[in-house]
Amino acid sequence: MITKEDFKYVCEKSIDMIEEAGILLTEQDKKNITAADFGLSRIKAEGVQILTLFDTDRMAAKILVLLPHQTEPEHWHPPVGDDPGKEEVIRGIWGDLTFYIPGADTMQVGFIPEGKEACYTMRNEVIINPGEQLVLPPGTKHWFQAGARGAVMYSFSTKVTDLMDEFTDPNIVRETKIEGY
């Protein structure tokens, strides 16, 4: 569960970061930004802020924001019915962004959140600079982390099935609960 104060803080900070990256936001965009703490109650360490730009029956676009040193937990987009799972393209916009995907252990820049070694198994490090992108085929296990400045990125994908995502950390709850709501 996330406190109202932490929810407000991470969303406001994310709006500032998006605008610092040069992206114009409408007042409605600012109201639509949300945060996911994955039920871990550690939003500033493990979580992500999300602004959905559009989500149709076939495709979606979002702006994802990580605060400085914030990590989105390891997960993958599994098949859902006849759909092979969400395919996603991440494009760096601003800041320091590192992805971890299947492959050889090349981890040098990032870090595993304390006490979570078993929950972050992908160690093949891919640095995504602004303007660079990474394609994540359906079912690809991945996690990502911001550096000292934080990170702003686009997420372009096939149909969003986020509530069906699977996580390595057994303590994760996909739906965010805000204290007092």
Protein backbone atom coordinates (compact mmCIF):
# COMPACT_ATOMS: atom_id res chain seq x y z
CA MET A 1 0.00 0.00 0.00
CA ILE A 2 1.19 3.51 -0.78
CA THR A 3 0.42 6.56 1.33
CA LYS A 4 -1.50 9.47 -0.21
CA GLU A 5 1.51 11.69 0.47
CA ASP A 6 3.95 9.37 -1.31
CA PHE A 7 1.53 8.92 -4.23
CA LYS A 8 1.18 12.69 -4.61
CA TYR A 9 4.96 13.20 -4.31
CA VAL A 10 5.97 10.62 -6.95
CA CYS A 11 3.29 11.81 -9.38
CA GLU A 12 4.22 15.49 -9.00
CA LYS A 13 7.94 14.71 -9.32
CA SER A 14 7.18 12.64 -12.45
CA ILE A 15 5.26 15.53 -14.03
CA ASP A 16 8.26 17.79 -13.39
CA MET A 17 10.60 15.23 -14.97
CA ILE A 18 8.39 14.77 -18.05
CA GLU A 19 8.24 18.52 -18.56
CA GLU A 20 12.01 18.81 -17.99
CA ALA A 21 12.39 16.25 -20.79
CA GLY A 22 10.59 18.72 -23.09
CA ILE A 23 7.25 16.95 -23.36
CA LEU A 24 4.22 19.20 -23.13
CA LEU A 25 1.48 17.92 -20.85
CA THR A 26 -2.13 19.01 -20.76
CA GLU A 27 -3.88 19.56 -17.45
CA GLN A 28 -5.76 16.31 -18.12
CA ASP A 29 -2.45 14.46 -18.64
CA LYS A 30 -1.28 15.72 -15.25
CA LYS A 31 -4.46 14.39 -13.63
CA ASN A 32 -4.07 11.02 -15.39
CA ILE A 33 -0.56 10.18 -14.19
CA THR A 34 -0.52 7.31 -11.74
CA ALA A 35 1.97 5.24 -9.79
CA ALA A 36 2.48 1.52 -9.19
CA ASP A 37 4.10 0.34 -5.97
CA PHE A 38 3.34 -3.34 -6.68
CA GLY A 39 2.08 -3.80 -3.12
CA LEU A 40 5.64 -3.51 -1.79
CA SER A 41 5.07 -0.18 0.02
CA ARG A 42 8.50 1.03 -1.20
CA ILE A 43 7.44 3.27 -4.10
CA LYS A 44 10.61 5.39 -4.11
CA ALA A 45 12.77 2.25 -4.36
CA GLU A 46 10.58 -0.22 -6.28
CA GLY A 47 7.85 1.22 -8.45
CA VAL A 48 7.07 3.22 -11.58
CA GLN A 49 4.95 6.21 -12.56
CA ILE A 50 2.77 5.86 -15.66
CA LEU A 51 0.97 8.24 -18.00
CA THR A 52 -1.14 6.33 -20.52
CA LEU A 53 -1.31 8.36 -23.73
CA PHE A 54 -3.67 5.93 -25.42
CA ASP A 55 -4.80 2.31 -25.08
CA THR A 56 -6.89 0.79 -27.89
CA ASP A 57 -7.90 -2.80 -28.56
CA ARG A 58 -4.68 -3.30 -30.56
CA MET A 59 -1.98 -0.91 -29.31
CA ALA A 60 -0.94 1.47 -26.56
CA ALA A 61 1.52 4.23 -25.75
CA LYS A 62 2.64 5.37 -22.32
CA ILE A 63 5.20 7.61 -20.74
CA LEU A 64 6.99 5.78 -17.92
CA VAL A 65 8.96 7.63 -15.26
CA LEU A 66 11.47 6.31 -12.76
CA LEU A 67 12.66 8.57 -9.96
CA PRO A 68 16.40 8.57 -9.19
CA HIS A 69 17.50 4.97 -8.47
CA GLN A 70 13.90 3.70 -8.64
CA THR A 71 13.51 0.17 -10.00
CA GLU A 72 10.57 -1.44 -11.77
CA PRO A 73 10.53 -5.07 -10.54
CA GLU A 74 11.39 -8.01 -12.77
CA HIS A 75 8.40 -9.17 -14.80
CA TRP A 76 7.24 -10.51 -18.14
CA HIS A 77 4.15 -10.25 -20.34
CA PRO A 78 2.70 -13.77 -20.67
CA PRO A 79 0.26 -15.09 -23.27
CA VAL A 80 -3.37 -14.16 -22.62
CA GLY A 81 -5.86 -16.45 -24.37
CA ASP A 82 -4.95 -16.58 -28.05
CA ASP A 83 -2.69 -13.51 -27.73
CA PRO A 84 1.04 -14.37 -27.44
CA GLY A 85 1.53 -11.62 -24.85
CA LYS A 86 2.33 -7.94 -24.96
CA GLU A 87 5.17 -6.91 -27.26
CA GLU A 88 6.80 -3.70 -26.05
CA VAL A 89 9.22 -1.14 -27.43
CA ILE A 90 10.92 1.14 -24.90
CA ARG A 91 12.43 4.37 -26.18
CA GLY A 92 14.60 6.51 -23.91
CA ILE A 93 13.61 10.17 -23.69
CA TRP A 94 15.60 11.66 -20.82
CA GLY A 95 17.83 10.64 -17.92
CA ASP A 96 19.73 7.52 -16.96
CA LEU A 97 18.02 4.24 -17.86
CA THR A 98 19.29 0.67 -17.63
CA PHE A 99 17.38 -2.46 -18.62
CA TYR A 100 18.10 -6.03 -17.56
CA ILE A 101 17.14 -8.81 -19.97
CA PRO A 102 18.07 -12.46 -20.65
CA GLY A 103 21.71 -13.08 -21.55
CA ALA A 104 25.17 -13.11 -20.00
CA ASP A 105 25.67 -11.36 -16.66
CA THR A 106 27.11 -7.97 -17.64
CA MET A 107 25.77 -6.00 -14.68
CA GLN A 108 28.05 -3.08 -13.80
CA VAL A 109 25.97 0.10 -13.61
CA GLY A 110 22.87 -0.88 -11.65
CA PHE A 111 22.20 -2.64 -8.39
CA ILE A 112 19.79 -5.22 -7.00
CA PRO A 113 17.47 -3.73 -4.36
CA GLU A 114 18.64 -4.83 -0.93
CA GLY A 115 17.49 -8.30 0.08
CA LYS A 116 15.97 -8.99 -3.35
CA GLU A 117 18.71 -11.00 -5.10
CA ALA A 118 16.33 -13.92 -5.82
CA CYS A 119 13.73 -11.54 -7.30
CA TYR A 120 16.00 -9.94 -9.91
CA THR A 121 17.41 -12.80 -11.98
CA MET A 122 18.11 -10.99 -15.27
CA ARG A 123 21.62 -9.51 -15.18
CA ASN A 124 22.32 -8.73 -18.86
CA GLU A 125 22.63 -4.96 -18.67
CA VAL A 126 21.52 -2.72 -21.56
CA ILE A 127 21.96 1.03 -21.18
CA ILE A 128 19.26 3.01 -22.99
CA ASN A 129 20.31 6.56 -23.81
CA PRO A 130 17.80 9.20 -24.95
CA GLY A 131 16.77 8.38 -28.52
CA GLU A 132 17.71 4.70 -28.22
CA GLN A 133 15.19 1.91 -27.98
CA LEU A 134 14.83 -1.70 -26.95
CA VAL A 135 12.32 -4.22 -28.34
CA LEU A 136 10.92 -6.69 -25.80
CA PRO A 137 9.22 -9.67 -27.49
CA PRO A 138 6.24 -11.24 -25.67
CA GLY A 139 7.27 -13.28 -22.64
CA THR A 140 10.72 -11.64 -22.23
CA LYS A 141 11.64 -11.42 -18.56
CA HIS A 142 12.98 -7.94 -17.78
CA TRP A 143 13.38 -5.20 -15.20
CA PHE A 144 14.71 -1.67 -15.37
CA GLN A 145 16.25 0.96 -13.19
CA ALA A 146 17.03 4.67 -13.25
CA GLY A 147 20.35 6.22 -12.41
CA ALA A 148 21.03 9.34 -10.36
CA ARG A 149 18.91 11.67 -12.52
CA GLY A 150 15.93 9.36 -12.88
CA ALA A 151 14.56 8.42 -16.30
CA VAL A 152 11.69 9.21 -18.65
CA MET A 153 10.81 6.79 -21.46
CA TYR A 154 8.11 5.93 -23.95
CA SER A 155 6.51 2.51 -23.90
CA PHE A 156 4.85 1.52 -27.17
CA SER A 157 3.12 -1.84 -27.13
CA THR A 158 0.50 -4.14 -28.43
CA LYS A 159 -2.71 -4.41 -26.39
CA VAL A 160 -2.11 -3.68 -22.73
CA THR A 161 -2.64 -6.66 -20.44
CA ASP A 162 -0.68 -5.24 -17.47
CA LEU A 163 -2.86 -6.83 -14.81
CA MET A 164 -1.84 -10.21 -16.27
CA ASP A 165 1.93 -9.49 -15.96
CA GLU A 166 3.87 -12.07 -13.99
CA PHE A 167 6.60 -11.18 -11.50
CA THR A 168 9.60 -12.99 -10.07
CA ASP A 169 8.93 -11.48 -6.63
CA PRO A 170 6.12 -13.57 -5.05
CA ASN A 171 5.15 -10.62 -2.81
CA ILE A 172 4.04 -8.41 -5.68
CA VAL A 173 0.43 -7.35 -6.01
CA ARG A 174 -0.17 -5.73 -9.40
CA GLU A 175 -3.02 -3.43 -8.43
CA THR A 176 -1.88 -0.34 -6.49
CA LYS A 177 -3.77 0.49 -3.32
CA ILE A 178 -3.59 4.01 -1.93
CA GLU A 179 -4.08 4.50 1.80
CA GLY A 180 -7.49 6.00 2.52
CA TYR A 181 -9.05 5.13 -0.89
